C-alpha atoms as a PDB file:
ATOM      1  CA  UNK A   1      -4.937   7.686  -9.437  1.00  0.00           C
ATOM      2  CA  UNK A   2      -5.454   9.928  -6.456  1.00  0.00           C
ATOM      3  CA  UNK A   3      -5.418   9.572  -2.697  1.00  0.00           C
ATOM      4  CA  UNK A   4      -9.060   8.594  -3.064  1.00  0.00           C
ATOM      5  CA  UNK A   5      -7.954   5.366  -4.737  1.00  0.00           C
ATOM      6  CA  UNK A   6      -5.972   3.901  -1.837  1.00  0.00           C
ATOM      7  CA  UNK A   7      -6.215   3.526   1.907  1.00  0.00           C
ATOM      8  CA  UNK A   8      -3.091   2.541   3.854  1.00  0.00           C
ATOM      9  CA  UNK A   9      -3.695   1.138   7.331  1.00  0.00           C
ATOM     10  CA  UNK A  10      -0.863   0.506   9.789  1.00  0.00           C
ATOM     11  CA  UNK A  11      -1.656  -2.401  12.089  1.00  0.00           C
ATOM     12  CA  UNK A  12       1.829  -2.736  13.566  1.00  0.00           C
ATOM     13  CA  UNK A  13       3.100  -6.045  12.238  1.00  0.00           C
ATOM     14  CA  UNK A  14       1.173  -5.688   8.972  1.00  0.00           C
ATOM     15  CA  UNK A  15       0.265  -2.803   6.661  1.00  0.00           C
ATOM     16  CA  UNK A  16      -2.987  -3.064   4.716  1.00  0.00           C
ATOM     17  CA  UNK A  17      -3.144  -1.464   1.270  1.00  0.00           C
ATOM     18  CA  UNK A  18      -6.869  -1.214   0.597  1.00  0.00           C
ATOM     19  CA  UNK A  19      -7.748  -0.289  -2.998  1.00  0.00           C
ATOM     20  CA  UNK A  20     -10.724   2.052  -3.110  1.00  0.00           C
ATOM     21  CA  UNK A  21     -11.144   1.983  -6.879  1.00  0.00           C
ATOM     22  CA  UNK A  22     -11.147  -0.720  -9.512  1.00  0.00           C
ATOM     23  CA  UNK A  23      -8.094   0.903 -11.117  1.00  0.00           C
ATOM     24  CA  UNK A  24      -6.053   0.649  -7.908  1.00  0.00           C
ATOM     25  CA  UNK A  25      -7.233  -2.913  -7.334  1.00  0.00           C
ATOM     26  CA  UNK A  26      -6.078  -3.855 -10.840  1.00  0.00           C
ATOM     27  CA  UNK A  27      -2.751  -2.049 -10.325  1.00  0.00           C
ATOM     28  CA  UNK A  28      -2.033  -3.780  -7.013  1.00  0.00           C
ATOM     29  CA  UNK A  29      -2.891  -7.209  -8.385  1.00  0.00           C
ATOM     30  CA  UNK A  30      -0.829  -6.637 -11.547  1.00  0.00           C
ATOM     31  CA  UNK A  31       2.243  -5.439  -9.640  1.00  0.00           C
ATOM     32  CA  UNK A  32       2.352  -7.873  -6.743  1.00  0.00           C
ATOM     33  CA  UNK A  33       2.976 -11.589  -6.491  1.00  0.00           C
ATOM     34  CA  UNK A  34      -0.060 -13.714  -7.399  1.00  0.00           C
ATOM     35  CA  UNK A  35       0.373 -15.510  -4.075  1.00  0.00           C
ATOM     36  CA  UNK A  36       0.329 -12.252  -2.076  1.00  0.00           C
ATOM     37  CA  UNK A  37      -1.897 -12.240   0.987  1.00  0.00           C
ATOM     38  CA  UNK A  38      -5.184 -10.369   0.793  1.00  0.00           C
ATOM     39  CA  UNK A  39      -7.222  -9.732   3.910  1.00  0.00           C
ATOM     40  CA  UNK A  40     -10.722  -8.305   3.745  1.00  0.00           C
ATOM     41  CA  UNK A  41     -10.140  -6.807   0.326  1.00  0.00           C
ATOM     42  CA  UNK A  42      -6.773  -5.291   1.297  1.00  0.00           C
ATOM     43  CA  UNK A  43      -3.276  -6.344   0.307  1.00  0.00           C
ATOM     44  CA  UNK A  44      -1.408  -7.369   3.478  1.00  0.00           C
ATOM     45  CA  UNK A  45       2.207  -6.185   3.388  1.00  0.00           C
ATOM     46  CA  UNK A  46       5.026  -6.551   5.894  1.00  0.00           C
ATOM     47  CA  UNK A  47       6.208  -3.113   7.077  1.00  0.00           C
ATOM     48  CA  UNK A  48       9.661  -3.639   5.555  1.00  0.00           C
ATOM     49  CA  UNK A  49       8.078  -3.778   2.067  1.00  0.00           C
ATOM     50  CA  UNK A  50       5.590  -0.927   2.484  1.00  0.00           C
ATOM     51  CA  UNK A  51       7.996   1.841   1.461  1.00  0.00           C
ATOM     52  CA  UNK A  52       8.928   0.070  -1.774  1.00  0.00           C
ATOM     53  CA  UNK A  53       5.292  -0.518  -2.633  1.00  0.00           C
ATOM     54  CA  UNK A  54       4.369   3.122  -1.971  1.00  0.00           C
ATOM     55  CA  UNK A  55       7.310   4.227  -4.120  1.00  0.00           C
ATOM     56  CA  UNK A  56       6.254   1.903  -6.953  1.00  0.00           C
ATOM     57  CA  UNK A  57       2.681   3.210  -6.818  1.00  0.00           C
ATOM     58  CA  UNK A  58       3.936   6.795  -7.003  1.00  0.00           C
ATOM     59  CA  UNK A  59       6.377   6.123  -9.845  1.00  0.00           C
ATOM     60  CA  UNK A  60       4.243   3.829 -11.985  1.00  0.00           C
ATOM     61  CA  UNK A  61       0.854   5.480 -11.682  1.00  0.00           C
ATOM     62  CA  UNK A  62      -0.531   8.691 -12.970  1.00  0.00           C
ATOM     63  CA  UNK A  63       0.402  11.379 -10.487  1.00  0.00           C
ATOM     64  CA  UNK A  64      -0.800   9.857  -7.241  1.00  0.00           C
ATOM     65  CA  UNK A  65      -0.997  11.337  -3.830  1.00  0.00           C
ATOM     66  CA  UNK A  66      -0.384   8.933  -0.987  1.00  0.00           C
ATOM     67  CA  UNK A  67      -3.188   9.370   1.559  1.00  0.00           C
ATOM     68  CA  UNK A  68      -2.668  12.167   4.051  1.00  0.00           C
ATOM     69  CA  UNK A  69      -1.222  10.889   7.286  1.00  0.00           C
ATOM     70  CA  UNK A  70       0.576   8.012   5.583  1.00  0.00           C
ATOM     71  CA  UNK A  71       4.111   8.443   6.886  1.00  0.00           C
ATOM     72  CA  UNK A  72       6.657   6.001   5.484  1.00  0.00           C
ATOM     73  CA  UNK A  73       8.887   6.393   8.548  1.00  0.00           C
ATOM     74  CA  UNK A  74       5.924   5.571  10.779  1.00  0.00           C
ATOM     75  CA  UNK A  75       5.162   2.493   8.697  1.00  0.00           C
ATOM     76  CA  UNK A  76       8.740   1.297   9.141  1.00  0.00           C
ATOM     77  CA  UNK A  77       8.926   2.107  12.855  1.00  0.00           C
ATOM     78  CA  UNK A  78       7.256  -1.048  14.076  1.00  0.00           C
ATOM     79  CA  UNK A  79       9.423  -3.225  11.870  1.00  0.00           C
ATOM     80  CA  UNK A  80      12.707  -1.535  12.783  1.00  0.00           C
ATOM     81  CA  UNK A  81      12.091  -1.662  16.561  1.00  0.00           C
END
């Protein structure tokens, strides 16, 4: 999977992980709780869990590049404040 397979959108109190390929969609659904919240085709994640999810995607996938501009510290900032 490549950066073209995932979009990460920071909306302050929620981070949206939007799969851009069928493979990423399958991966997200297989590795998250079946009762996870999906919003407009994107997995809605609390900022405190975003880092762990990004790490899991990196470690479990083929070499994946997290989208440029996706800064884990920035994702956590709104939660930690």
